[in-house]
PDB file of N, CA and C in Angstrom:
ATOM      1  N   MET A   1      -6.684  22.508  -6.308  1.00  0.00           N
ATOM      2  CA  MET A   1      -5.692  21.702  -5.609  1.00  0.00           C
ATOM      3  C   MET A   1      -5.307  20.536  -6.515  1.00  0.00           C
ATOM      4  N   SER A   2      -4.011  20.300  -6.653  1.00  0.00           N
ATOM      5  CA  SER A   2      -3.543  19.209  -7.494  1.00  0.00           C
ATOM      6  C   SER A   2      -3.765  17.867  -6.799  1.00  0.00           C
ATOM      7  N   VAL A   3      -3.738  16.814  -7.588  1.00  0.00           N
ATOM      8  CA  VAL A   3      -3.926  15.468  -7.053  1.00  0.00           C
ATOM      9  C   VAL A   3      -2.786  15.107  -6.107  1.00  0.00           C
ATOM     10  N   VAL A   4      -1.573  15.513  -6.448  1.00  0.00           N
ATOM     11  CA  VAL A   4      -0.416  15.217  -5.595  1.00  0.00           C
ATOM     12  C   VAL A   4      -0.554  15.936  -4.255  1.00  0.00           C
ATOM     13  N   ARG A   5      -0.954  17.173  -4.304  1.00  0.00           N
ATOM     14  CA  ARG A   5      -1.126  17.941  -3.058  1.00  0.00           C
ATOM     15  C   ARG A   5      -2.228  17.328  -2.199  1.00  0.00           C
ATOM     16  N   TYR A   6      -3.340  16.974  -2.835  1.00  0.00           N
ATOM     17  CA  TYR A   6      -4.438  16.353  -2.104  1.00  0.00           C
ATOM     18  C   TYR A   6      -3.992  15.034  -1.479  1.00  0.00           C
ATOM     19  N   GLY A   7      -3.265  14.216  -2.243  1.00  0.00           N
ATOM     20  CA  GLY A   7      -2.780  12.938  -1.732  1.00  0.00           C
ATOM     21  C   GLY A   7      -1.819  13.100  -0.577  1.00  0.00           C
ATOM     22  N   SER A   8      -0.938  14.085  -0.677  1.00  0.00           N
ATOM     23  CA  SER A   8       0.030  14.288   0.407  1.00  0.00           C
ATOM     24  C   SER A   8      -0.664  14.786   1.675  1.00  0.00           C
ATOM     25  N   GLU A   9      -1.664  15.634   1.538  1.00  0.00           N
ATOM     26  CA  GLU A   9      -2.408  16.085   2.719  1.00  0.00           C
ATOM     27  C   GLU A   9      -3.222  14.948   3.323  1.00  0.00           C
ATOM     28  N   TYR A  10      -3.787  14.123   2.476  1.00  0.00           N
ATOM     29  CA  TYR A  10      -4.556  12.971   2.954  1.00  0.00           C
ATOM     30  C   TYR A  10      -3.647  12.001   3.716  1.00  0.00           C
ATOM     31  N   LEU A  11      -2.477  11.706   3.146  1.00  0.00           N
ATOM     32  CA  LEU A  11      -1.526  10.822   3.805  1.00  0.00           C
ATOM     33  C   LEU A  11      -1.047  11.420   5.130  1.00  0.00           C
ATOM     34  N   ASP A  12      -0.809  12.717   5.138  1.00  0.00           N
ATOM     35  CA  ASP A  12      -0.385  13.380   6.364  1.00  0.00           C
ATOM     36  C   ASP A  12      -1.444  13.232   7.457  1.00  0.00           C
ATOM     37  N   ASN A  13      -2.699  13.404   7.116  1.00  0.00           N
ATOM     38  CA  ASN A  13      -3.783  13.255   8.096  1.00  0.00           C
ATOM     39  C   ASN A  13      -3.904  11.822   8.587  1.00  0.00           C
ATOM     40  N   VAL A  14      -3.757  10.872   7.688  1.00  0.00           N
ATOM     41  CA  VAL A  14      -3.836   9.463   8.081  1.00  0.00           C
ATOM     42  C   VAL A  14      -2.706   9.121   9.039  1.00  0.00           C
ATOM     43  N   LEU A  15      -1.494   9.533   8.709  1.00  0.00           N
ATOM     44  CA  LEU A  15      -0.349   9.221   9.563  1.00  0.00           C
ATOM     45  C   LEU A  15      -0.458   9.904  10.923  1.00  0.00           C
ATOM     46  N   ARG A  16      -1.085  11.050  10.960  1.00  0.00           N
ATOM     47  CA  ARG A  16      -1.253  11.740  12.232  1.00  0.00           C
ATOM     48  C   ARG A  16      -2.162  10.948  13.170  1.00  0.00           C
ATOM     49  N   TRP A  17      -3.186  10.315  12.628  1.00  0.00           N
ATOM     50  CA  TRP A  17      -4.157   9.631  13.481  1.00  0.00           C
ATOM     51  C   TRP A  17      -3.814   8.176  13.756  1.00  0.00           C
ATOM     52  N   ILE A  18      -3.016   7.545  12.898  1.00  0.00           N
ATOM     53  CA  ILE A  18      -2.698   6.134  13.112  1.00  0.00           C
ATOM     54  C   ILE A  18      -1.204   5.895  13.210  1.00  0.00           C
ATOM     55  N   SER A  19      -0.467   6.830  13.731  1.00  0.00           N
ATOM     56  CA  SER A  19       0.994   6.706  13.756  1.00  0.00           C
ATOM     57  C   SER A  19       1.463   5.477  14.536  1.00  0.00           C
ATOM     58  N   ASP A  20       0.692   5.050  15.541  1.00  0.00           N
ATOM     59  CA  ASP A  20       1.103   3.881  16.314  1.00  0.00           C
ATOM     60  C   ASP A  20       0.915   2.578  15.535  1.00  0.00           C
ATOM     61  N   LYS A  21       0.075   2.556  14.540  1.00  0.00           N
ATOM     62  CA  LYS A  21      -0.183   1.357  13.734  1.00  0.00           C
ATOM     63  C   LYS A  21       0.467   1.429  12.358  1.00  0.00           C
ATOM     64  N   PHE A  22       1.252   2.478  12.098  1.00  0.00           N
ATOM     65  CA  PHE A  22       1.799   2.700  10.757  1.00  0.00           C
ATOM     66  C   PHE A  22       2.636   1.529  10.264  1.00  0.00           C
ATOM     67  N   ILE A  23       3.521   1.002  11.086  1.00  0.00           N
ATOM     68  CA  ILE A  23       4.404  -0.090  10.676  1.00  0.00           C
ATOM     69  C   ILE A  23       3.594  -1.317  10.279  1.00  0.00           C
ATOM     70  N   GLU A  24       2.577  -1.642  11.049  1.00  0.00           N
ATOM     71  CA  GLU A  24       1.738  -2.802  10.725  1.00  0.00           C
ATOM     72  C   GLU A  24       1.005  -2.605   9.406  1.00  0.00           C
ATOM     73  N   ILE A  25       0.454  -1.431   9.194  1.00  0.00           N
ATOM     74  CA  ILE A  25      -0.274  -1.144   7.949  1.00  0.00           C
ATOM     75  C   ILE A  25       0.685  -1.145   6.768  1.00  0.00           C
ATOM     76  N   PHE A  26       1.865  -0.560   6.947  1.00  0.00           N
ATOM     77  CA  PHE A  26       2.858  -0.517   5.878  1.00  0.00           C
ATOM     78  C   PHE A  26       3.303  -1.925   5.481  1.00  0.00           C
ATOM     79  N   GLN A  27       3.483  -2.818   6.439  1.00  0.00           N
ATOM     80  CA  GLN A  27       3.869  -4.199   6.149  1.00  0.00           C
ATOM     81  C   GLN A  27       2.801  -4.897   5.308  1.00  0.00           C
ATOM     82  N   VAL A  28       1.548  -4.650   5.610  1.00  0.00           N
ATOM     83  CA  VAL A  28       0.462  -5.247   4.825  1.00  0.00           C
ATOM     84  C   VAL A  28       0.462  -4.696   3.401  1.00  0.00           C
ATOM     85  N   LEU A  29       0.698  -3.398   3.259  1.00  0.00           N
ATOM     86  CA  LEU A  29       0.675  -2.782   1.932  1.00  0.00           C
ATOM     87  C   LEU A  29       1.811  -3.253   1.032  1.00  0.00           C
ATOM     88  N   ILE A  30       2.969  -3.536   1.605  1.00  0.00           N
ATOM     89  CA  ILE A  30       4.113  -3.926   0.776  1.00  0.00           C
ATOM     90  C   ILE A  30       4.276  -5.436   0.640  1.00  0.00           C
ATOM     91  N   SER A  31       3.472  -6.206   1.348  1.00  0.00           N
ATOM     92  CA  SER A  31       3.617  -7.658   1.262  1.00  0.00           C
ATOM     93  C   SER A  31       3.003  -8.182  -0.044  1.00  0.00           C
ATOM     94  N   PRO A  32       3.672  -9.128  -0.688  1.00  0.00           N
ATOM     95  CA  PRO A  32       3.132  -9.691  -1.933  1.00  0.00           C
ATOM     96  C   PRO A  32       1.921 -10.561  -1.649  1.00  0.00           C
ATOM     97  N   PHE A  33       1.069 -10.674  -2.636  1.00  0.00           N
ATOM     98  CA  PHE A  33      -0.102 -11.523  -2.486  1.00  0.00           C
ATOM     99  C   PHE A  33      -0.201 -12.445  -3.694  1.00  0.00           C
ATOM    100  N   SER A  34      -0.789 -13.574  -3.490  1.00  0.00           N
ATOM    101  CA  SER A  34      -0.897 -14.545  -4.580  1.00  0.00           C
ATOM    102  C   SER A  34      -2.176 -14.311  -5.360  1.00  0.00           C
ATOM    103  N   SER A  35      -2.151 -14.757  -6.585  1.00  0.00           N
ATOM    104  CA  SER A  35      -3.325 -14.660  -7.442  1.00  0.00           C
ATOM    105  C   SER A  35      -4.401 -15.612  -6.948  1.00  0.00           C
ATOM    106  N   LEU A  36      -5.624 -15.192  -7.021  1.00  0.00           N
ATOM    107  CA  LEU A  36      -6.717 -16.037  -6.573  1.00  0.00           C
ATOM    108  C   LEU A  36      -7.049 -17.129  -7.587  1.00  0.00           C
ATOM    109  N   ARG A  37      -6.759 -16.890  -8.859  1.00  0.00           N
ATOM    110  CA  ARG A  37      -7.147 -17.839  -9.904  1.00  0.00           C
ATOM    111  C   ARG A  37      -6.116 -18.933 -10.136  1.00  0.00           C
ATOM    112  N   ARG A  38      -4.862 -18.664  -9.884  1.00  0.00           N
ATOM    113  CA  ARG A  38      -3.817 -19.641 -10.188  1.00  0.00           C
ATOM    114  C   ARG A  38      -3.104 -20.084  -8.933  1.00  0.00           C
ATOM    115  N   SER A  39      -2.856 -21.363  -8.852  1.00  0.00           N
ATOM    116  CA  SER A  39      -2.159 -21.875  -7.684  1.00  0.00           C
ATOM    117  C   SER A  39      -0.636 -21.844  -7.863  1.00  0.00           C
ATOM    118  N   LYS A  40      -0.158 -21.875  -9.113  1.00  0.00           N
ATOM    119  CA  LYS A  40       1.282 -21.858  -9.373  1.00  0.00           C
ATOM    120  C   LYS A  40       1.718 -20.442  -9.783  1.00  0.00           C
ATOM    121  N   SER A  41       2.900 -20.085  -9.365  1.00  0.00           N
ATOM    122  CA  SER A  41       3.427 -18.797  -9.792  1.00  0.00           C
ATOM    123  C   SER A  41       4.102 -18.946 -11.136  1.00  0.00           C
ATOM    124  N   GLU A  42       4.154 -17.873 -11.879  1.00  0.00           N
ATOM    125  CA  GLU A  42       4.832 -17.918 -13.167  1.00  0.00           C
ATOM    126  C   GLU A  42       5.687 -16.680 -13.313  1.00  0.00           C
ATOM    127  N   VAL A  43       6.758 -16.828 -14.061  1.00  0.00           N
ATOM    128  CA  VAL A  43       7.676 -15.732 -14.276  1.00  0.00           C
ATOM    129  C   VAL A  43       7.200 -14.933 -15.476  1.00  0.00           C
ATOM    130  N   VAL A  44       7.161 -13.616 -15.326  1.00  0.00           N
ATOM    131  CA  VAL A  44       6.741 -12.740 -16.401  1.00  0.00           C
ATOM    132  C   VAL A  44       7.954 -11.952 -16.853  1.00  0.00           C
ATOM    133  N   GLY A  45       8.257 -12.023 -18.128  1.00  0.00           N
ATOM    134  CA  GLY A  45       9.388 -11.279 -18.679  1.00  0.00           C
ATOM    135  C   GLY A  45       8.915 -10.148 -19.563  1.00  0.00           C
ATOM    136  N   TYR A  46       9.699  -9.115 -19.604  1.00  0.00           N
ATOM    137  CA  TYR A  46       9.355  -7.964 -20.428  1.00  0.00           C
ATOM    138  C   TYR A  46      10.376  -7.766 -21.499  1.00  0.00           C
TER     139      TYR A  46
END
């Protein structure tokens, strides 16, 4: 079984059991977090 297939089946099972809490969990996953070591933010350029 490929990693992608395993991940998609795992995600499918998770969503099946927690579908009522999905929006709350998704908001936590996509929300930015601050660095623990630095109090000021800095711009990173590539």
